[in-house]
N, C-alpha and C. Protein backbone atom coordinates (compact mmCIF):
# COMPACT_ATOMS: atom_id res chain seq x y z
N UNK A 1 0.88 -1.30 -0.51
CA UNK A 1 -0.07 0.03 -0.24
C UNK A 1 1.08 1.05 -0.10
N UNK A 2 0.68 1.85 -0.14
CA UNK A 2 1.18 3.04 -1.03
C UNK A 2 0.45 5.02 0.38
N UNK A 3 1.37 4.93 1.15
CA UNK A 3 0.61 5.90 2.42
C UNK A 3 0.76 7.48 1.75
N UNK A 4 -0.37 8.10 2.62
CA UNK A 4 0.41 9.41 2.37
C UNK A 4 -0.55 9.49 3.74
N UNK A 5 0.36 11.03 4.73
CA UNK A 5 0.02 11.68 5.78
C UNK A 5 -0.95 12.64 5.68
N UNK A 6 -2.19 12.85 5.84
CA UNK A 6 -3.03 13.99 5.48
C UNK A 6 -2.62 14.96 7.44
N UNK A 7 -2.90 16.23 7.55
CA UNK A 7 -2.84 17.52 8.42
C UNK A 7 -3.81 18.65 7.58
N UNK A 8 -5.34 17.91 9.12
CA UNK A 8 -6.60 18.74 8.23
C UNK A 8 -6.09 20.38 9.72
N UNK A 9 -6.34 20.97 8.70
CA UNK A 9 -6.50 22.44 9.16
C UNK A 9 -5.91 22.44 10.64
N UNK A 10 -4.32 22.41 10.73
CA UNK A 10 -3.92 22.24 11.93
C UNK A 10 -3.67 24.15 11.32
N UNK A 11 -4.32 25.01 11.86
CA UNK A 11 -4.36 26.43 11.22
C UNK A 11 -3.75 26.93 12.71
N UNK A 12 -3.17 28.28 12.09
CA UNK A 12 -3.28 29.42 13.52
C UNK A 12 -4.59 29.07 14.36
N UNK A 13 -5.57 30.29 13.62
CA UNK A 13 -7.04 30.60 14.81
C UNK A 13 -7.48 29.09 15.25
N UNK A 14 -6.95 27.93 14.57
CA UNK A 14 -7.70 26.58 15.65
C UNK A 14 -6.84 26.92 17.37
N UNK A 15 -5.68 27.83 17.43
CA UNK A 15 -4.79 27.78 18.43
C UNK A 15 -4.98 29.47 19.48
N UNK A 16 -5.46 30.37 18.68
CA UNK A 16 -5.82 31.51 18.96
C UNK A 16 -7.17 31.68 18.88
N UNK A 17 -8.20 31.53 18.97
CA UNK A 17 -9.26 31.08 20.24
C UNK A 17 -9.49 30.83 21.42
N UNK A 18 -10.32 31.35 21.65
CA UNK A 18 -10.65 31.74 23.64
C UNK A 18 -11.64 30.39 23.81
N UNK A 19 -11.51 29.02 24.46
CA UNK A 19 -10.43 28.24 24.65
C UNK A 19 -9.32 27.64 23.22
N UNK A 20 -8.46 27.71 23.47
CA UNK A 20 -7.67 27.11 22.13
C UNK A 20 -7.54 25.33 22.23
N UNK A 21 -7.66 25.26 20.96
CA UNK A 21 -8.01 23.47 21.12
C UNK A 21 -7.13 22.88 21.67
N UNK A 22 -7.99 22.13 22.35
CA UNK A 22 -7.66 21.08 23.45
C UNK A 22 -6.07 20.34 23.26
N UNK A 23 -5.24 20.92 24.22
CA UNK A 23 -3.96 20.16 24.00
C UNK A 23 -3.46 20.48 23.42
N UNK A 24 -3.40 21.93 22.75
CA UNK A 24 -3.05 21.59 21.58
C UNK A 24 -0.97 21.60 21.06
N UNK A 25 -0.53 22.18 22.36
CA UNK A 25 1.33 22.38 22.05
C UNK A 25 0.93 20.24 22.56
N UNK A 26 0.60 19.74 22.36
CA UNK A 26 0.70 18.00 22.96
C UNK A 26 0.19 17.62 21.13
N UNK A 27 -0.39 18.51 21.20
CA UNK A 27 -1.10 17.78 19.58
C UNK A 27 0.31 18.55 18.60
N UNK A 28 0.71 18.86 18.17
CA UNK A 28 1.66 19.86 17.60
C UNK A 28 2.47 18.85 17.72
N UNK A 29 3.16 18.49 19.08
CA UNK A 29 4.16 17.43 19.13
C UNK A 29 4.40 15.97 18.00
N UNK A 30 3.10 15.60 18.37
CA UNK A 30 2.24 14.39 18.11
C UNK A 30 2.55 14.92 16.31
N UNK A 31 2.00 16.44 15.92
CA UNK A 31 1.51 15.84 14.83
C UNK A 31 2.91 15.86 13.89
N UNK A 32 3.89 17.06 14.21
CA UNK A 32 5.39 17.06 13.82
C UNK A 32 6.23 15.61 13.95
N UNK A 33 6.06 15.04 15.08
CA UNK A 33 6.53 13.92 14.91
C UNK A 33 6.67 12.93 13.78
N UNK A 34 4.91 13.01 13.41
CA UNK A 34 4.73 12.11 12.88
C UNK A 34 4.53 12.64 11.42
N UNK A 35 4.90 13.94 11.50
CA UNK A 35 5.25 14.72 9.87
C UNK A 35 6.75 14.13 9.41
N UNK A 36 7.98 14.29 10.26
CA UNK A 36 9.04 13.89 10.52
C UNK A 36 9.24 12.35 10.06
N UNK A 37 8.42 11.95 10.50
CA UNK A 37 8.34 9.98 10.32
C UNK A 37 8.18 9.93 8.81
N UNK A 38 7.36 10.50 8.51
CA UNK A 38 7.18 10.72 6.69
C UNK A 38 7.79 11.23 5.98
N UNK A 39 8.68 12.26 6.29
CA UNK A 39 9.82 12.79 5.22
C UNK A 39 10.75 11.93 5.52
N UNK A 40 10.83 11.46 6.80
CA UNK A 40 11.77 10.02 7.12
C UNK A 40 12.11 8.61 5.74
N UNK A 41 10.67 8.82 5.53
CA UNK A 41 9.61 7.41 5.02
C UNK A 41 9.90 8.05 3.29
N UNK A 42 9.61 9.03 3.29
CA UNK A 42 9.47 9.43 2.26
C UNK A 42 7.48 9.06 1.34
N UNK A 43 6.64 9.77 2.18
CA UNK A 43 5.66 9.27 2.61
C UNK A 43 4.90 11.16 1.58
N UNK A 44 4.73 10.45 1.37
CA UNK A 44 3.68 12.16 0.68
C UNK A 44 2.93 13.06 2.11
N UNK A 45 3.53 14.42 2.36
CA UNK A 45 1.99 15.44 2.71
C UNK A 45 1.46 15.93 2.32
N UNK A 46 -0.16 15.57 3.18
CA UNK A 46 -0.93 16.42 2.47
C UNK A 46 -1.58 17.40 3.29
N UNK A 47 -1.30 18.80 2.97
CA UNK A 47 -1.91 19.97 4.37
C UNK A 47 -3.58 19.67 3.48
N UNK A 48 -4.57 20.06 4.13
CA UNK A 48 -5.87 20.50 4.49
C UNK A 48 -5.95 21.46 5.09
N UNK A 49 -6.24 22.85 4.31
CA UNK A 49 -6.26 24.08 4.74
C UNK A 49 -7.95 24.54 4.45
N UNK A 50 -8.93 24.38 5.96
CA UNK A 50 -9.81 25.34 5.90
C UNK A 50 -9.86 26.58 5.66
N UNK A 51 -11.25 27.16 4.52
CA UNK A 51 -11.53 28.84 4.78
C UNK A 51 -12.74 28.69 5.16
N UNK A 52 -12.77 29.33 6.61
CA UNK A 52 -14.51 29.83 7.06
C UNK A 52 -14.63 31.34 6.62
N UNK A 53 -15.85 31.55 7.02
CA UNK A 53 -16.59 32.27 6.48
C UNK A 53 -15.42 33.54 7.15
N UNK A 54 -16.17 35.10 6.28
CA UNK A 54 -15.37 36.09 7.20
C UNK A 54 -15.37 36.33 8.68
N UNK A 55 -14.75 37.02 8.74
CA UNK A 55 -14.39 37.55 10.23
C UNK A 55 -14.44 36.62 11.28
N UNK A 56 -13.90 34.74 10.91
CA UNK A 56 -14.12 34.02 11.58
C UNK A 56 -12.86 33.77 11.24
N UNK A 57 -12.25 32.90 12.82
CA UNK A 57 -11.15 32.25 13.11
C UNK A 57 -9.72 31.89 11.67
N UNK A 58 -10.74 31.61 10.86
CA UNK A 58 -9.68 30.10 9.45
C UNK A 58 -10.48 31.43 8.27
N UNK A 59 -10.71 32.76 8.63
CA UNK A 59 -10.73 33.09 7.29
C UNK A 59 -9.39 33.96 6.50
N UNK A 60 -10.12 32.77 5.18
CA UNK A 60 -9.52 32.97 3.87
C UNK A 60 -8.17 34.13 4.50
N UNK A 61 -6.99 34.44 3.57
CA UNK A 61 -5.84 34.79 4.20
C UNK A 61 -5.46 35.73 5.61
N UNK A 62 -6.52 35.29 6.63
CA UNK A 62 -5.79 35.89 7.81
C UNK A 62 -5.11 35.13 8.47
N UNK A 63 -4.55 35.48 9.16
CA UNK A 63 -3.22 35.38 10.36
C UNK A 63 -3.73 33.79 10.52
N UNK A 64 -4.99 33.67 11.03
CA UNK A 64 -5.50 32.80 11.35
C UNK A 64 -5.81 31.66 10.16
N UNK A 65 -5.67 31.63 8.90
CA UNK A 65 -6.11 31.42 8.27
C UNK A 65 -4.58 30.10 7.81
N UNK A 66 -3.39 31.01 8.10
CA UNK A 66 -1.73 30.31 7.99
C UNK A 66 -2.34 29.16 9.53
N UNK A 67 -1.28 28.26 8.38
CA UNK A 67 -1.12 26.58 9.25
C UNK A 67 0.35 27.11 10.70
N UNK A 68 -0.51 26.22 10.91
CA UNK A 68 0.61 26.90 12.25
C UNK A 68 2.28 26.73 12.24
N UNK A 69 3.18 27.35 12.67
CA UNK A 69 4.25 27.70 12.41
C UNK A 69 4.83 26.52 12.22
N UNK A 70 4.59 25.59 13.53
CA UNK A 70 5.90 24.41 14.03
C UNK A 70 5.44 23.49 12.85
N UNK A 71 4.59 23.26 11.90
CA UNK A 71 3.89 21.97 11.39
C UNK A 71 4.18 22.77 9.91
N UNK A 72 4.56 24.17 9.11
CA UNK A 72 3.59 24.35 8.30
C UNK A 72 4.92 23.45 6.52
N UNK A 73 4.01 23.97 6.29
CA UNK A 73 4.67 22.98 4.35
C UNK A 73 5.90 23.39 4.56
N UNK A 74 6.77 21.92 3.84
CA UNK A 74 7.66 21.77 2.77
C UNK A 74 7.42 22.26 1.46
N UNK A 75 8.73 22.34 0.99
CA UNK A 75 8.29 22.90 -0.28
C UNK A 75 8.07 20.56 -1.29
N UNK A 76 7.56 21.09 -1.85
CA UNK A 76 6.79 19.59 -2.69
C UNK A 76 5.71 18.93 -1.60
N UNK A 77 5.25 19.61 -0.83
CA UNK A 77 4.21 19.06 0.57
C UNK A 77 2.74 19.60 -0.73
N UNK A 78 1.62 18.98 -0.69
CA UNK A 78 0.81 19.42 -1.54
C UNK A 78 0.17 20.13 -0.84
N UNK A 79 -1.10 20.84 -0.54
CA UNK A 79 -1.90 21.78 -0.39
C UNK A 79 -3.73 21.64 -0.86
N UNK A 80 -4.31 21.19 -0.11
CA UNK A 80 -5.82 21.43 -1.04
C UNK A 80 -6.46 21.94 0.33
N UNK A 81 -7.58 22.90 -0.34
CA UNK A 81 -8.18 24.13 0.53
C UNK A 81 -9.55 23.29 0.28
N UNK A 82 -9.68 24.10 1.53
CA UNK A 82 -11.76 22.86 1.83
C UNK A 82 -12.45 24.00 2.76
N UNK A 83 -13.64 24.15 1.95
CA UNK A 83 -15.17 24.87 2.93
C UNK A 83 -15.61 24.29 3.34
N UNK A 84 -15.51 22.91 3.78
CA UNK A 84 -16.26 21.64 4.31
C UNK A 84 -15.88 21.10 5.39
N UNK A 85 -16.51 20.52 6.42
CA UNK A 85 -15.27 19.28 6.99
C UNK A 85 -15.49 18.11 6.18
N UNK A 86 -15.72 18.58 5.25
CA UNK A 86 -15.52 17.04 3.95
C UNK A 86 -14.04 17.47 3.50
N UNK A 87 -12.83 16.96 2.98
CA UNK A 87 -12.05 17.15 2.80
C UNK A 87 -11.92 16.82 1.71
N UNK A 88 -12.56 15.96 0.74
CA UNK A 88 -12.88 15.42 -0.61
C UNK A 88 -13.84 16.56 -1.41
N UNK A 89 -14.99 16.82 -0.96
CA UNK A 89 -16.25 17.57 -1.19
C UNK A 89 -15.49 18.97 -1.88
N UNK A 90 -15.88 19.04 -3.32
CA UNK A 90 -15.28 20.14 -3.70
C UNK A 90 -13.88 20.58 -4.00
N UNK A 91 -13.21 19.20 -3.67
CA UNK A 91 -11.56 20.03 -4.06
C UNK A 91 -10.67 18.88 -4.51
N UNK A 92 -9.61 19.01 -5.08
CA UNK A 92 -8.60 17.83 -6.18
C UNK A 92 -8.09 17.32 -4.68
N UNK A 93 -8.23 16.75 -4.03
CA UNK A 93 -7.94 15.38 -3.18
C UNK A 93 -7.91 14.44 -3.31
N UNK A 94 -8.96 13.89 -3.99
CA UNK A 94 -9.03 12.71 -4.56
C UNK A 94 -8.19 12.55 -6.05
N UNK A 95 -7.38 13.48 -6.37
CA UNK A 95 -7.23 13.78 -7.97
C UNK A 95 -5.69 13.50 -7.56
N UNK A 96 -5.31 14.42 -6.76
CA UNK A 96 -4.17 14.14 -6.34
C UNK A 96 -3.72 12.78 -5.80
N UNK A 97 -4.42 12.15 -4.77
CA UNK A 97 -4.51 10.93 -4.23
C UNK A 97 -4.19 10.35 -5.17
N UNK A 98 -4.80 9.59 -6.12
CA UNK A 98 -5.17 9.08 -7.23
C UNK A 98 -3.36 9.15 -8.45
N UNK A 99 -2.79 10.55 -8.22
CA UNK A 99 -2.10 10.50 -8.95
C UNK A 99 -0.95 10.53 -8.38
N UNK A 100 -1.09 10.09 -7.27
CA UNK A 100 0.41 9.38 -6.60
C UNK A 100 0.12 8.11 -6.35
N UNK A 101 -0.67 7.51 -6.63
CA UNK A 101 -1.11 5.93 -6.16
C UNK A 101 -1.32 6.63 -4.89
N UNK A 102 -2.23 7.22 -4.34
CA UNK A 102 -2.59 6.62 -2.88
C UNK A 102 -3.53 5.64 -2.56
N UNK A 103 -3.01 4.60 -1.84
CA UNK A 103 -3.91 3.82 -1.20
C UNK A 103 -4.94 4.28 0.90
N UNK A 104 -3.38 5.01 1.00
CA UNK A 104 -3.79 4.92 2.22
C UNK A 104 -3.55 6.31 2.85
N UNK A 105 -4.29 6.33 3.44
CA UNK A 105 -4.72 7.70 4.20
C UNK A 105 -4.23 7.60 5.91
N UNK A 106 -3.28 8.55 6.44
CA UNK A 106 -3.34 8.44 7.78
C UNK A 106 -3.38 9.86 8.50
N UNK A 107 -4.67 9.75 9.32
CA UNK A 107 -5.51 11.33 9.28
C UNK A 107 -4.78 12.04 10.61
N UNK A 108 -4.67 12.99 11.06
CA UNK A 108 -4.35 13.68 11.73
C UNK A 108 -4.76 15.51 12.04
N UNK A 109 -5.02 15.92 13.05
CA UNK A 109 -5.77 17.18 12.77
C UNK A 109 -6.74 17.33 13.68
N UNK A 110 -7.52 18.88 13.32
CA UNK A 110 -8.37 19.01 14.13
C UNK A 110 -9.50 19.61 13.19
N UNK A 111 -10.70 19.27 13.26
CA UNK A 111 -11.59 19.51 14.77
C UNK A 111 -12.10 17.69 14.24
N UNK A 112 -12.18 16.93 15.68
CA UNK A 112 -12.42 15.51 15.18
C UNK A 112 -13.48 15.32 14.87
N UNK A 113 -14.59 15.76 15.01
CA UNK A 113 -16.14 16.13 15.29
C UNK A 113 -15.94 16.08 14.42
N UNK A 114 -15.40 17.23 12.91
CA UNK A 114 -16.29 17.62 11.88
C UNK A 114 -14.80 16.74 11.07
N UNK A 115 -13.97 17.50 10.84
CA UNK A 115 -13.12 16.96 9.45
C UNK A 115 -12.84 15.85 9.29
N UNK A 116 -12.05 15.74 10.86
CA UNK A 116 -11.31 14.08 10.83
C UNK A 116 -12.42 13.37 10.94
N UNK A 117 -13.87 12.93 11.38
CA UNK A 117 -15.00 12.27 11.54
C UNK A 117 -15.06 11.88 9.77
N UNK A 118 -15.92 13.29 9.80
CA UNK A 118 -15.76 13.71 7.65
C UNK A 118 -15.19 12.28 6.66
N UNK A 119 -13.83 13.28 7.13
CA UNK A 119 -12.55 12.49 6.09
C UNK A 119 -12.87 11.48 6.15
N UNK A 120 -12.34 11.18 7.51
CA UNK A 120 -12.55 9.37 7.55
C UNK A 120 -13.34 8.79 7.14
N UNK A 121 -15.12 8.94 6.99
CA UNK A 121 -16.36 7.88 6.18
C UNK A 121 -15.85 8.27 5.39
N UNK A 122 -15.80 9.16 4.54
CA UNK A 122 -15.90 9.90 2.88
C UNK A 122 -14.32 9.19 2.44
N UNK A 123 -13.26 9.50 3.24
CA UNK A 123 -11.85 8.14 2.96
C UNK A 123 -12.07 7.07 2.62
N UNK A 124 -13.12 6.19 3.64
CA UNK A 124 -13.67 5.01 3.33
C UNK A 124 -14.63 4.58 2.72
N UNK A 125 -15.32 6.00 2.22
CA UNK A 125 -16.83 4.88 1.09
C UNK A 125 -15.89 4.94 0.40
N UNK A 126 -14.44 5.95 -0.11
CA UNK A 126 -14.00 5.96 -1.09
C UNK A 126 -12.87 4.98 -1.80
N UNK A 127 -13.00 4.19 -1.10
CA UNK A 127 -12.33 2.90 -0.90
C UNK A 127 -10.53 2.94 -0.75
N UNK A 128 -10.97 4.41 -0.09
CA UNK A 128 -9.24 4.93 0.94
C UNK A 128 -8.80 3.39 2.69
N UNK A 129 -7.98 2.85 2.34
CA UNK A 129 -7.57 2.34 3.57
C UNK A 129 -7.39 3.16 4.80
N UNK A 130 -8.19 3.53 5.85
CA UNK A 130 -7.52 4.47 6.52
C UNK A 130 -7.18 4.45 7.35
N UNK A 131 -6.21 5.20 9.07
CA UNK A 131 -5.04 4.62 9.67
C UNK A 131 -5.45 6.18 10.35
N UNK A 132 -6.06 6.53 11.51
CA UNK A 132 -6.53 7.75 12.43
C UNK A 132 -5.27 7.59 13.57
N UNK A 133 -4.76 8.51 13.90
CA UNK A 133 -3.24 8.79 14.88
C UNK A 133 -4.27 9.09 15.92
N UNK A 134 -4.74 8.45 16.83
CA UNK A 134 -5.82 8.28 17.76
C UNK A 134 -5.46 9.87 19.02
N UNK A 135 -4.13 10.02 18.58
CA UNK A 135 -3.63 10.81 19.74
C UNK A 135 -2.94 12.76 19.04
N UNK A 136 -3.35 12.39 17.53
CA UNK A 136 -3.26 13.65 16.73
C UNK A 136 -3.81 14.37 16.33
N UNK A 137 -5.05 14.65 16.87
CA UNK A 137 -6.59 15.04 16.51
C UNK A 137 -6.74 14.93 17.76
N UNK A 138 -7.77 16.68 17.29
CA UNK A 138 -8.26 17.36 18.69
C UNK A 138 -8.95 18.23 18.63
N UNK A 139 -10.23 18.72 19.06
CA UNK A 139 -10.62 19.83 18.95
C UNK A 139 -11.22 20.76 20.78
N UNK A 140 -12.27 20.75 20.57
CA UNK A 140 -12.70 21.76 21.39
C UNK A 140 -13.70 21.67 22.07
N UNK A 141 -13.35 21.76 23.88
CA UNK A 141 -14.65 22.10 25.00
C UNK A 141 -16.06 22.21 24.57
N UNK A 142 -17.34 22.07 24.67
CA UNK A 142 -18.47 22.24 24.22
C UNK A 142 -19.05 21.85 25.80
N UNK A 143 -19.95 22.51 25.79
CA UNK A 143 -21.20 23.53 26.76
C UNK A 143 -21.28 21.72 27.21
N UNK A 144 -21.34 20.61 26.55
CA UNK A 144 -22.16 19.94 27.71
C UNK A 144 -21.24 18.70 27.24
N UNK A 145 -20.38 18.61 26.94
CA UNK A 145 -19.11 17.13 26.50
C UNK A 145 -17.27 17.49 26.26
N UNK A 146 -16.75 17.12 27.06
CA UNK A 146 -15.40 17.78 26.85
C UNK A 146 -14.92 17.04 26.01
N UNK A 147 -13.72 18.13 24.77
CA UNK A 147 -12.50 17.84 24.12
C UNK A 147 -12.30 16.29 24.47
N UNK A 148 -11.39 15.90 25.70
CA UNK A 148 -11.36 14.72 25.83
C UNK A 148 -12.52 13.36 25.66
N UNK A 149 -13.72 13.79 26.26
CA UNK A 149 -14.39 12.48 25.64
C UNK A 149 -15.03 12.67 24.03
N UNK A 150 -14.76 13.53 23.22
CA UNK A 150 -15.78 13.43 22.31
C UNK A 150 -14.74 13.38 21.26
N UNK A 151 -12.97 13.43 22.11
CA UNK A 151 -11.86 12.60 21.17
C UNK A 151 -11.93 10.86 21.14
N UNK A 152 -12.39 10.59 22.55
CA UNK A 152 -11.92 9.43 22.68
C UNK A 152 -13.07 9.02 22.41
N UNK A 153 -15.04 9.28 22.48
CA UNK A 153 -15.31 8.77 21.11
C UNK A 153 -15.30 8.77 20.46
N UNK A 154 -14.83 9.13 19.12
CA UNK A 154 -14.79 9.48 17.94
C UNK A 154 -13.30 7.90 17.40
N UNK A 155 -12.66 8.52 18.40
CA UNK A 155 -11.41 7.08 18.28
C UNK A 155 -11.74 6.04 18.49
N UNK A 156 -13.09 5.43 19.12
CA UNK A 156 -13.59 4.15 19.64
C UNK A 156 -14.78 4.15 18.55
N UNK A 157 -15.78 4.74 17.99
CA UNK A 157 -16.68 5.15 17.08
C UNK A 157 -16.10 4.73 15.13
N UNK A 158 -15.20 5.80 15.14
CA UNK A 158 -14.27 5.21 13.81
C UNK A 158 -13.49 4.42 13.59
N UNK A 159 -13.22 3.17 14.89
CA UNK A 159 -12.72 2.15 14.52
C UNK A 159 -13.62 1.16 12.99
N UNK A 160 -15.02 1.48 13.26
CA UNK A 160 -15.89 0.97 12.33
C UNK A 160 -15.35 1.59 10.67
N UNK A 161 -14.43 2.19 10.56
CA UNK A 161 -14.07 2.85 8.77
C UNK A 161 -12.27 3.32 9.13
N UNK A 162 -11.41 2.55 10.31
CA UNK A 162 -10.05 3.19 10.49
C UNK A 162 -9.43 2.29 11.01
N UNK A 163 -8.44 1.84 10.81
CA UNK A 163 -7.20 1.49 12.13
C UNK A 163 -7.32 2.63 12.77
N UNK A 164 -6.89 2.52 14.45
CA UNK A 164 -7.01 3.89 14.72
C UNK A 164 -5.70 3.35 16.27
N UNK A 165 -4.90 4.29 15.77
CA UNK A 165 -3.75 3.43 16.69
C UNK A 165 -2.94 5.34 16.42
N UNK A 166 -1.46 4.93 17.95
CA UNK A 166 -1.16 6.04 18.89
C UNK A 166 0.21 6.64 17.36
N UNK A 167 0.61 7.25 17.48
CA UNK A 167 1.61 8.34 16.93
C UNK A 167 3.10 7.45 16.86
N UNK A 168 3.45 7.00 17.74
CA UNK A 168 3.99 5.95 18.33
C UNK A 168 4.22 4.75 17.16
N UNK A 169 2.64 4.26 18.19
CA UNK A 169 2.77 2.67 17.33
C UNK A 169 3.10 3.11 15.48
N UNK A 170 2.49 4.28 14.84
CA UNK A 170 2.60 4.87 13.91
C UNK A 170 4.00 4.19 13.21
N UNK A 171 4.52 5.24 14.11
CA UNK A 171 6.29 5.75 13.83
C UNK A 171 7.30 4.08 13.81
N UNK A 172 6.72 3.36 14.49
CA UNK A 172 7.28 1.78 14.74
C UNK A 172 6.76 0.72 14.44
N UNK A 173 5.79 1.19 13.70
CA UNK A 173 5.77 0.26 12.77
C UNK A 173 6.47 -0.86 11.59
């Protein structure tokens, strides 16, 4: 199988809102480790960048829209732009994956219950093998449920569509 690492919506605006994404520093460290591993193994890296509406934390062209400096794309990395939770919908992601003969996607990023969940399920439906790094995606606390509970719940539910492993397991495979 030919694998690609997807880094979804790890943009400045997710870290500057109040409160910021849950355990943001730990998230960045894990994604950075997965990114380093992917580069060492010549695994293609695809950044997905969300464009939010005007005056949102991810408004296109603002500092919040830019990728977080700790994991910014390098020359040769692919950037896919989206404006919905689905990284495939009205984007060139599937075309890029087919051009590279990718059939296995490793998902990291933000937001667990939106973009990670939707991209996982859609990728599965498009016949990609999906792996989610269980400790390399995050979200925000909600009024009635914590970010940790959302992440735990999705790691459990998405096992129907993906292999769920830690960053360490991915790096040590």
